[in-house]
Structure formats: C-alpha cells, structure tokens
Amino acid sequence: MARNLLQRIEAFLAESAMPPSVFGREAVRDPRLVADLREGRIAGLRIICRVEHFMNKWRADHRAGRVAPCGDLRLYAVRHPGETP
C-alpha cells in the first residue's frame, strides 16, 4: 500500500509541478515526507488519508481556478518581476 501511495504522490508531483518538500509540508506538515517514502518509510493510515485528502482537494481547487502559486515565492518574484503572485 505504501508503494502505491508513493506512486500516486509521484504522479501528483508531476501533474502539479509542486516540489516534494512543499507537498509534504502542505499535506502533512512534514517536508521530508516524500524523501522518506522514497527511502522506504511506511506511511500509516492517518498519513495516507491526509495525503489523499490534500491531493483530492488540490485537484478540485485547481479545476475551479483557486490554486495559488506554491513553493518559494521569492523565486516567483525573480521570474516575474513586477507581478504579484
């Protein structure tokens, strides 16, 4: 089940272009979540539910046009000078 979770997370990261540390921080307040899962960490049911909920909510918000930029907003300012995120 944990392997399947990691595969779903990897697909989500590719879909959302979200950095793994941002995903972990936003989903479960653990920036090392994805790195630890890649290293073999086994997620419990509570973590799995929180991750699934986060991905489902992000997709719904994305379809509705309510997704804010994620990641380091300082990089956004460098790439898009003068625009607000």
PDB file of N, CA and C in Angstrom:
ATOM      1  N   MET A   1       0.831  -1.196   0.000  1.00  0.00           N
ATOM      2  CA  MET A   1       0.000   0.000   0.000  1.00  0.00           C
ATOM      3  C   MET A   1       0.871   1.254   0.000  1.00  0.00           C
ATOM      4  N   ALA A   2       1.972   1.241   0.772  1.00  0.00           N
ATOM      5  CA  ALA A   2       2.841   2.412   0.827  1.00  0.00           C
ATOM      6  C   ALA A   2       3.485   2.660  -0.533  1.00  0.00           C
ATOM      7  N   ARG A   3       3.836   1.603  -1.246  1.00  0.00           N
ATOM      8  CA  ARG A   3       4.436   1.760  -2.570  1.00  0.00           C
ATOM      9  C   ARG A   3       3.426   2.399  -3.515  1.00  0.00           C
ATOM     10  N   ASN A   4       2.196   1.944  -3.423  1.00  0.00           N
ATOM     11  CA  ASN A   4       1.136   2.505  -4.240  1.00  0.00           C
ATOM     12  C   ASN A   4       0.940   3.982  -3.901  1.00  0.00           C
ATOM     13  N   LEU A   5       1.018   4.332  -2.633  1.00  0.00           N
ATOM     14  CA  LEU A   5       0.898   5.728  -2.210  1.00  0.00           C
ATOM     15  C   LEU A   5       2.021   6.555  -2.828  1.00  0.00           C
ATOM     16  N   LEU A   6       3.232   6.059  -2.791  1.00  0.00           N
ATOM     17  CA  LEU A   6       4.357   6.787  -3.363  1.00  0.00           C
ATOM     18  C   LEU A   6       4.161   6.998  -4.860  1.00  0.00           C
ATOM     19  N   GLN A   7       3.652   6.008  -5.554  1.00  0.00           N
ATOM     20  CA  GLN A   7       3.397   6.151  -6.988  1.00  0.00           C
ATOM     21  C   GLN A   7       2.347   7.221  -7.246  1.00  0.00           C
ATOM     22  N   ARG A   8       1.303   7.255  -6.428  1.00  0.00           N
ATOM     23  CA  ARG A   8       0.272   8.284  -6.594  1.00  0.00           C
ATOM     24  C   ARG A   8       0.830   9.670  -6.280  1.00  0.00           C
ATOM     25  N   ILE A   9       1.691   9.764  -5.274  1.00  0.00           N
ATOM     26  CA  ILE A   9       2.310  11.048  -4.941  1.00  0.00           C
ATOM     27  C   ILE A   9       3.218  11.506  -6.081  1.00  0.00           C
ATOM     28  N   GLU A  10       4.025  10.605  -6.623  1.00  0.00           N
ATOM     29  CA  GLU A  10       4.919  10.962  -7.727  1.00  0.00           C
ATOM     30  C   GLU A  10       4.116  11.460  -8.927  1.00  0.00           C
ATOM     31  N   ALA A  11       2.996  10.818  -9.235  1.00  0.00           N
ATOM     32  CA  ALA A  11       2.144  11.259 -10.340  1.00  0.00           C
ATOM     33  C   ALA A  11       1.573  12.644 -10.041  1.00  0.00           C
ATOM     34  N   PHE A  12       1.179  12.868  -8.791  1.00  0.00           N
ATOM     35  CA  PHE A  12       0.641  14.171  -8.399  1.00  0.00           C
ATOM     36  C   PHE A  12       1.700  15.260  -8.516  1.00  0.00           C
ATOM     37  N   LEU A  13       2.924  14.963  -8.087  1.00  0.00           N
ATOM     38  CA  LEU A  13       4.003  15.945  -8.174  1.00  0.00           C
ATOM     39  C   LEU A  13       4.266  16.337  -9.627  1.00  0.00           C
ATOM     40  N   ALA A  14       4.221  15.361 -10.531  1.00  0.00           N
ATOM     41  CA  ALA A  14       4.412  15.661 -11.948  1.00  0.00           C
ATOM     42  C   ALA A  14       3.251  16.495 -12.487  1.00  0.00           C
ATOM     43  N   GLU A  15       2.038  16.156 -12.067  1.00  0.00           N
ATOM     44  CA  GLU A  15       0.841  16.874 -12.519  1.00  0.00           C
ATOM     45  C   GLU A  15       0.813  18.312 -12.018  1.00  0.00           C
ATOM     46  N   SER A  16       1.189  18.507 -10.772  1.00  0.00           N
ATOM     47  CA  SER A  16       1.058  19.819 -10.143  1.00  0.00           C
ATOM     48  C   SER A  16       2.317  20.672 -10.248  1.00  0.00           C
ATOM     49  N   ALA A  17       3.446  20.082 -10.635  1.00  0.00           N
ATOM     50  CA  ALA A  17       4.739  20.768 -10.667  1.00  0.00           C
ATOM     51  C   ALA A  17       5.098  21.317  -9.293  1.00  0.00           C
ATOM     52  N   MET A  18       4.689  20.607  -8.260  1.00  0.00           N
ATOM     53  CA  MET A  18       4.940  21.016  -6.885  1.00  0.00           C
ATOM     54  C   MET A  18       6.213  20.325  -6.392  1.00  0.00           C
ATOM     55  N   PRO A  19       7.118  21.053  -5.755  1.00  0.00           N
ATOM     56  CA  PRO A  19       8.305  20.418  -5.186  1.00  0.00           C
ATOM     57  C   PRO A  19       7.913  19.435  -4.070  1.00  0.00           C
ATOM     58  N   PRO A  20       8.661  18.346  -3.945  1.00  0.00           N
ATOM     59  CA  PRO A  20       8.322  17.346  -2.921  1.00  0.00           C
ATOM     60  C   PRO A  20       8.268  17.902  -1.504  1.00  0.00           C
ATOM     61  N   SER A  21       9.161  18.814  -1.157  1.00  0.00           N
ATOM     62  CA  SER A  21       9.156  19.351   0.208  1.00  0.00           C
ATOM     63  C   SER A  21       7.920  20.208   0.459  1.00  0.00           C
ATOM     64  N   VAL A  22       7.490  20.946  -0.540  1.00  0.00           N
ATOM     65  CA  VAL A  22       6.276  21.757  -0.399  1.00  0.00           C
ATOM     66  C   VAL A  22       5.067  20.838  -0.252  1.00  0.00           C
ATOM     67  N   PHE A  23       5.029  19.773  -1.046  1.00  0.00           N
ATOM     68  CA  PHE A  23       3.933  18.814  -0.944  1.00  0.00           C
ATOM     69  C   PHE A  23       3.837  18.246   0.468  1.00  0.00           C
ATOM     70  N   GLY A  24       4.952  17.761   0.989  1.00  0.00           N
ATOM     71  CA  GLY A  24       4.948  17.182   2.329  1.00  0.00           C
ATOM     72  C   GLY A  24       4.538  18.177   3.394  1.00  0.00           C
ATOM     73  N   ARG A  25       5.029  19.409   3.271  1.00  0.00           N
ATOM     74  CA  ARG A  25       4.700  20.443   4.250  1.00  0.00           C
ATOM     75  C   ARG A  25       3.219  20.781   4.200  1.00  0.00           C
ATOM     76  N   GLU A  26       2.676  20.928   2.998  1.00  0.00           N
ATOM     77  CA  GLU A  26       1.269  21.288   2.850  1.00  0.00           C
ATOM     78  C   GLU A  26       0.335  20.133   3.225  1.00  0.00           C
ATOM     79  N   ALA A  27       0.708  18.922   2.876  1.00  0.00           N
ATOM     80  CA  ALA A  27      -0.170  17.773   3.100  1.00  0.00           C
ATOM     81  C   ALA A  27      -0.171  17.313   4.553  1.00  0.00           C
ATOM     82  N   VAL A  28       1.007  17.171   5.148  1.00  0.00           N
ATOM     83  CA  VAL A  28       1.083  16.590   6.493  1.00  0.00           C
ATOM     84  C   VAL A  28       2.050  17.318   7.423  1.00  0.00           C
ATOM     85  N   ARG A  29       2.471  18.519   7.030  1.00  0.00           N
ATOM     86  CA  ARG A  29       3.416  19.313   7.826  1.00  0.00           C
ATOM     87  C   ARG A  29       4.741  18.602   8.066  1.00  0.00           C
ATOM     88  N   ASP A  30       5.182  17.865   7.038  1.00  0.00           N
ATOM     89  CA  ASP A  30       6.454  17.148   7.109  1.00  0.00           C
ATOM     90  C   ASP A  30       7.173  17.307   5.771  1.00  0.00           C
ATOM     91  N   PRO A  31       8.098  18.260   5.673  1.00  0.00           N
ATOM     92  CA  PRO A  31       8.762  18.485   4.392  1.00  0.00           C
ATOM     93  C   PRO A  31       9.602  17.307   3.914  1.00  0.00           C
ATOM     94  N   ARG A  32       9.932  16.378   4.792  1.00  0.00           N
ATOM     95  CA  ARG A  32      10.734  15.206   4.413  1.00  0.00           C
ATOM     96  C   ARG A  32       9.872  13.997   4.029  1.00  0.00           C
ATOM     97  N   LEU A  33       8.568  14.147   3.989  1.00  0.00           N
ATOM     98  CA  LEU A  33       7.679  13.011   3.739  1.00  0.00           C
ATOM     99  C   LEU A  33       8.048  12.261   2.464  1.00  0.00           C
ATOM    100  N   VAL A  34       8.111  12.946   1.342  1.00  0.00           N
ATOM    101  CA  VAL A  34       8.365  12.277   0.064  1.00  0.00           C
ATOM    102  C   VAL A  34       9.753  11.651   0.053  1.00  0.00           C
ATOM    103  N   ALA A  35      10.736  12.360   0.543  1.00  0.00           N
ATOM    104  CA  ALA A  35      12.097  11.809   0.596  1.00  0.00           C
ATOM    105  C   ALA A  35      12.132  10.556   1.466  1.00  0.00           C
ATOM    106  N   ASP A  36      11.445  10.597   2.590  1.00  0.00           N
ATOM    107  CA  ASP A  36      11.418   9.428   3.481  1.00  0.00           C
ATOM    108  C   ASP A  36      10.675   8.260   2.839  1.00  0.00           C
ATOM    109  N   LEU A  37       9.575   8.527   2.135  1.00  0.00           N
ATOM    110  CA  LEU A  37       8.859   7.457   1.446  1.00  0.00           C
ATOM    111  C   LEU A  37       9.722   6.839   0.357  1.00  0.00           C
ATOM    112  N   ARG A  38      10.479   7.670  -0.337  1.00  0.00           N
ATOM    113  CA  ARG A  38      11.398   7.161  -1.367  1.00  0.00           C
ATOM    114  C   ARG A  38      12.488   6.288  -0.748  1.00  0.00           C
ATOM    115  N   GLU A  39      12.832   6.566   0.512  1.00  0.00           N
ATOM    116  CA  GLU A  39      13.864   5.788   1.213  1.00  0.00           C
ATOM    117  C   GLU A  39      13.297   4.528   1.870  1.00  0.00           C
ATOM    118  N   GLY A  40      11.971   4.345   1.813  1.00  0.00           N
ATOM    119  CA  GLY A  40      11.385   3.131   2.357  1.00  0.00           C
ATOM    120  C   GLY A  40      10.472   3.318   3.553  1.00  0.00           C
ATOM    121  N   ARG A  41      10.239   4.553   3.972  1.00  0.00           N
ATOM    122  CA  ARG A  41       9.329   4.803   5.095  1.00  0.00           C
ATOM    123  C   ARG A  41       7.946   4.257   4.771  1.00  0.00           C
ATOM    124  N   ILE A  42       7.313   3.663   5.748  1.00  0.00           N
ATOM    125  CA  ILE A  42       5.964   3.137   5.577  1.00  0.00           C
ATOM    126  C   ILE A  42       4.995   4.101   6.251  1.00  0.00           C
ATOM    127  N   ALA A  43       4.076   4.621   5.468  1.00  0.00           N
ATOM    128  CA  ALA A  43       3.107   5.589   5.986  1.00  0.00           C
ATOM    129  C   ALA A  43       1.950   4.862   6.659  1.00  0.00           C
ATOM    130  N   GLY A  44       1.503   5.434   7.763  1.00  0.00           N
ATOM    131  CA  GLY A  44       0.347   4.888   8.460  1.00  0.00           C
ATOM    132  C   GLY A  44      -0.950   5.337   7.805  1.00  0.00           C
ATOM    133  N   LEU A  45      -2.036   4.784   8.274  1.00  0.00           N
ATOM    134  CA  LEU A  45      -3.347   5.087   7.705  1.00  0.00           C
ATOM    135  C   LEU A  45      -3.688   6.567   7.829  1.00  0.00           C
ATOM    136  N   ARG A  46      -3.325   7.183   8.934  1.00  0.00           N
ATOM    137  CA  ARG A  46      -3.617   8.603   9.136  1.00  0.00           C
ATOM    138  C   ARG A  46      -2.895   9.477   8.101  1.00  0.00           C
ATOM    139  N   ILE A  47      -1.628   9.185   7.847  1.00  0.00           N
ATOM    140  CA  ILE A  47      -0.854   9.927   6.852  1.00  0.00           C
ATOM    141  C   ILE A  47      -1.434   9.691   5.464  1.00  0.00           C
ATOM    142  N   ILE A  48      -1.772   8.451   5.155  1.00  0.00           N
ATOM    143  CA  ILE A  48      -2.345   8.128   3.842  1.00  0.00           C
ATOM    144  C   ILE A  48      -3.629   8.915   3.617  1.00  0.00           C
ATOM    145  N   CYS A  49      -4.487   8.962   4.618  1.00  0.00           N
ATOM    146  CA  CYS A  49      -5.750   9.702   4.490  1.00  0.00           C
ATOM    147  C   CYS A  49      -5.506  11.189   4.299  1.00  0.00           C
ATOM    148  N   ARG A  50      -4.570  11.752   5.052  1.00  0.00           N
ATOM    149  CA  ARG A  50      -4.281  13.184   4.927  1.00  0.00           C
ATOM    150  C   ARG A  50      -3.695  13.515   3.551  1.00  0.00           C
ATOM    151  N   VAL A  51      -2.814  12.648   3.047  1.00  0.00           N
ATOM    152  CA  VAL A  51      -2.201  12.863   1.738  1.00  0.00           C
ATOM    153  C   VAL A  51      -3.261  12.776   0.641  1.00  0.00           C
ATOM    154  N   GLU A  52      -4.101  11.750   0.703  1.00  0.00           N
ATOM    155  CA  GLU A  52      -5.162  11.590  -0.298  1.00  0.00           C
ATOM    156  C   GLU A  52      -6.116  12.781  -0.272  1.00  0.00           C
ATOM    157  N   HIS A  53      -6.465  13.233   0.914  1.00  0.00           N
ATOM    158  CA  HIS A  53      -7.360  14.386   1.039  1.00  0.00           C
ATOM    159  C   HIS A  53      -6.722  15.629   0.423  1.00  0.00           C
ATOM    160  N   PHE A  54      -5.446  15.850   0.706  1.00  0.00           N
ATOM    161  CA  PHE A  54      -4.758  17.007   0.158  1.00  0.00           C
ATOM    162  C   PHE A  54      -4.737  16.968  -1.364  1.00  0.00           C
ATOM    163  N   MET A  55      -4.409  15.803  -1.945  1.00  0.00           N
ATOM    164  CA  MET A  55      -4.341  15.706  -3.404  1.00  0.00           C
ATOM    165  C   MET A  55      -5.719  15.909  -4.031  1.00  0.00           C
ATOM    166  N   ASN A  56      -6.747  15.323  -3.436  1.00  0.00           N
ATOM    167  CA  ASN A  56      -8.111  15.490  -3.964  1.00  0.00           C
ATOM    168  C   ASN A  56      -8.564  16.937  -3.869  1.00  0.00           C
ATOM    169  N   LYS A  57      -8.275  17.585  -2.742  1.00  0.00           N
ATOM    170  CA  LYS A  57      -8.666  18.986  -2.573  1.00  0.00           C
ATOM    171  C   LYS A  57      -7.904  19.884  -3.537  1.00  0.00           C
ATOM    172  N   TRP A  58      -6.611  19.627  -3.729  1.00  0.00           N
ATOM    173  CA  TRP A  58      -5.823  20.433  -4.655  1.00  0.00           C
ATOM    174  C   TRP A  58      -6.377  20.310  -6.069  1.00  0.00           C
ATOM    175  N   ARG A  59      -6.708  19.085  -6.481  1.00  0.00           N
ATOM    176  CA  ARG A  59      -7.250  18.890  -7.836  1.00  0.00           C
ATOM    177  C   ARG A  59      -8.588  19.608  -8.004  1.00  0.00           C
ATOM    178  N   ALA A  60      -9.446  19.542  -7.007  1.00  0.00           N
ATOM    179  CA  ALA A  60     -10.740  20.230  -7.078  1.00  0.00           C
ATOM    180  C   ALA A  60     -10.535  21.739  -7.145  1.00  0.00           C
ATOM    181  N   ASP A  61      -9.632  22.261  -6.320  1.00  0.00           N
ATOM    182  CA  ASP A  61      -9.338  23.694  -6.344  1.00  0.00           C
ATOM    183  C   ASP A  61      -8.707  24.108  -7.669  1.00  0.00           C
ATOM    184  N   HIS A  62      -7.868  23.246  -8.216  1.00  0.00           N
ATOM    185  CA  HIS A  62      -7.225  23.542  -9.495  1.00  0.00           C
ATOM    186  C   HIS A  62      -8.267  23.634 -10.613  1.00  0.00           C
ATOM    187  N   ARG A  63      -9.195  22.692 -10.634  1.00  0.00           N
ATOM    188  CA  ARG A  63     -10.267  22.722 -11.640  1.00  0.00           C
ATOM    189  C   ARG A  63     -11.129  23.967 -11.490  1.00  0.00           C
ATOM    190  N   ALA A  64     -11.307  24.434 -10.259  1.00  0.00           N
ATOM    191  CA  ALA A  64     -12.131  25.613 -10.004  1.00  0.00           C
ATOM    192  C   ALA A  64     -11.342  26.913 -10.158  1.00  0.00           C
ATOM    193  N   GLY A  65     -10.037  26.824 -10.409  1.00  0.00           N
ATOM    194  CA  GLY A  65      -9.219  28.012 -10.589  1.00  0.00           C
ATOM    195  C   GLY A  65      -8.813  28.689  -9.300  1.00  0.00           C
ATOM    196  N   ARG A  66      -8.787  27.944  -8.192  1.00  0.00           N
ATOM    197  CA  ARG A  66      -8.467  28.541  -6.893  1.00  0.00           C
ATOM    198  C   ARG A  66      -7.097  28.138  -6.367  1.00  0.00           C
ATOM    199  N   VAL A  67      -6.227  27.621  -7.196  1.00  0.00           N
ATOM    200  CA  VAL A  67      -4.923  27.179  -6.723  1.00  0.00           C
ATOM    201  C   VAL A  67      -3.949  28.345  -6.759  1.00  0.00           C
ATOM    202  N   ALA A  68      -3.356  28.629  -5.619  1.00  0.00           N
ATOM    203  CA  ALA A  68      -2.357  29.693  -5.504  1.00  0.00           C
ATOM    204  C   ALA A  68      -0.987  29.132  -5.870  1.00  0.00           C
ATOM    205  N   PRO A  69      -0.043  29.994  -6.231  1.00  0.00           N
ATOM    206  CA  PRO A  69       1.305  29.510  -6.507  1.00  0.00           C
ATOM    207  C   PRO A  69       1.883  28.823  -5.275  1.00  0.00           C
ATOM    208  N   CYS A  70       2.648  27.771  -5.489  1.00  0.00           N
ATOM    209  CA  CYS A  70       3.254  27.074  -4.360  1.00  0.00           C
ATOM    210  C   CYS A  70       4.764  27.150  -4.481  1.00  0.00           C
ATOM    211  N   GLY A  71       5.422  26.780  -3.440  1.00  0.00           N
ATOM    212  CA  GLY A  71       6.874  26.805  -3.440  1.00  0.00           C
ATOM    213  C   GLY A  71       7.405  28.102  -2.867  1.00  0.00           C
ATOM    214  N   ASP A  72       8.610  28.421  -3.238  1.00  0.00           N
ATOM    215  CA  ASP A  72       9.292  29.605  -2.730  1.00  0.00           C
ATOM    216  C   ASP A  72       8.851  30.823  -3.524  1.00  0.00           C
ATOM    217  N   LEU A  73       8.095  31.718  -2.901  1.00  0.00           N
ATOM    218  CA  LEU A  73       7.581  32.887  -3.598  1.00  0.00           C
ATOM    219  C   LEU A  73       8.689  33.847  -3.994  1.00  0.00           C
ATOM    220  N   ARG A  74       9.865  33.733  -3.381  1.00  0.00           N
ATOM    221  CA  ARG A  74      10.993  34.578  -3.798  1.00  0.00           C
ATOM    222  C   ARG A  74      11.402  34.227  -5.224  1.00  0.00           C
ATOM    223  N   LEU A  75      11.321  32.947  -5.591  1.00  0.00           N
ATOM    224  CA  LEU A  75      11.641  32.533  -6.958  1.00  0.00           C
ATOM    225  C   LEU A  75      10.614  33.084  -7.937  1.00  0.00           C
ATOM    226  N   TYR A  76       9.362  33.138  -7.518  1.00  0.00           N
ATOM    227  CA  TYR A  76       8.315  33.695  -8.369  1.00  0.00           C
ATOM    228  C   TYR A  76       8.613  35.161  -8.663  1.00  0.00           C
ATOM    229  N   ALA A  77       9.062  35.897  -7.665  1.00  0.00           N
ATOM    230  CA  ALA A  77       9.372  37.305  -7.844  1.00  0.00           C
ATOM    231  C   ALA A  77      10.556  37.493  -8.791  1.00  0.00           C
ATOM    232  N   VAL A  78      11.508  36.570  -8.756  1.00  0.00           N
ATOM    233  CA  VAL A  78      12.663  36.665  -9.642  1.00  0.00           C
ATOM    234  C   VAL A  78      12.243  36.382 -11.078  1.00  0.00           C
ATOM    235  N   ARG A  79      11.401  35.377 -11.282  1.00  0.00           N
ATOM    236  CA  ARG A  79      10.983  35.008 -12.633  1.00  0.00           C
ATOM    237  C   ARG A  79       9.984  35.987 -13.228  1.00  0.00           C
ATOM    238  N   HIS A  80       9.183  36.629 -12.397  1.00  0.00           N
ATOM    239  CA  HIS A  80       8.139  37.526 -12.872  1.00  0.00           C
ATOM    240  C   HIS A  80       8.221  38.869 -12.158  1.00  0.00           C
ATOM    241  N   PRO A  81       9.235  39.657 -12.446  1.00  0.00           N
ATOM    242  CA  PRO A  81       9.377  40.925 -11.724  1.00  0.00           C
ATOM    243  C   PRO A  81       8.195  41.851 -11.975  1.00  0.00           C
ATOM    244  N   GLY A  82       7.745  42.479 -10.920  1.00  0.00           N
ATOM    245  CA  GLY A  82       6.655  43.443 -11.028  1.00  0.00           C
ATOM    246  C   GLY A  82       5.275  42.845 -10.958  1.00  0.00           C
ATOM    247  N   GLU A  83       5.145  41.521 -11.064  1.00  0.00           N
ATOM    248  CA  GLU A  83       3.835  40.885 -10.966  1.00  0.00           C
ATOM    249  C   GLU A  83       3.622  40.400  -9.540  1.00  0.00           C
ATOM    250  N   THR A  84       2.385  40.379  -9.124  1.00  0.00           N
ATOM    251  CA  THR A  84       2.071  39.838  -7.801  1.00  0.00           C
ATOM    252  C   THR A  84       1.693  38.384  -7.937  1.00  0.00           C
ATOM    253  N   PRO A  85       2.119  37.556  -7.001  1.00  0.00           N
ATOM    254  CA  PRO A  85       1.807  36.124  -7.074  1.00  0.00           C
ATOM    255  C   PRO A  85       0.348  35.831  -6.845  1.00  0.00           C
TER     256      PRO A  85
END
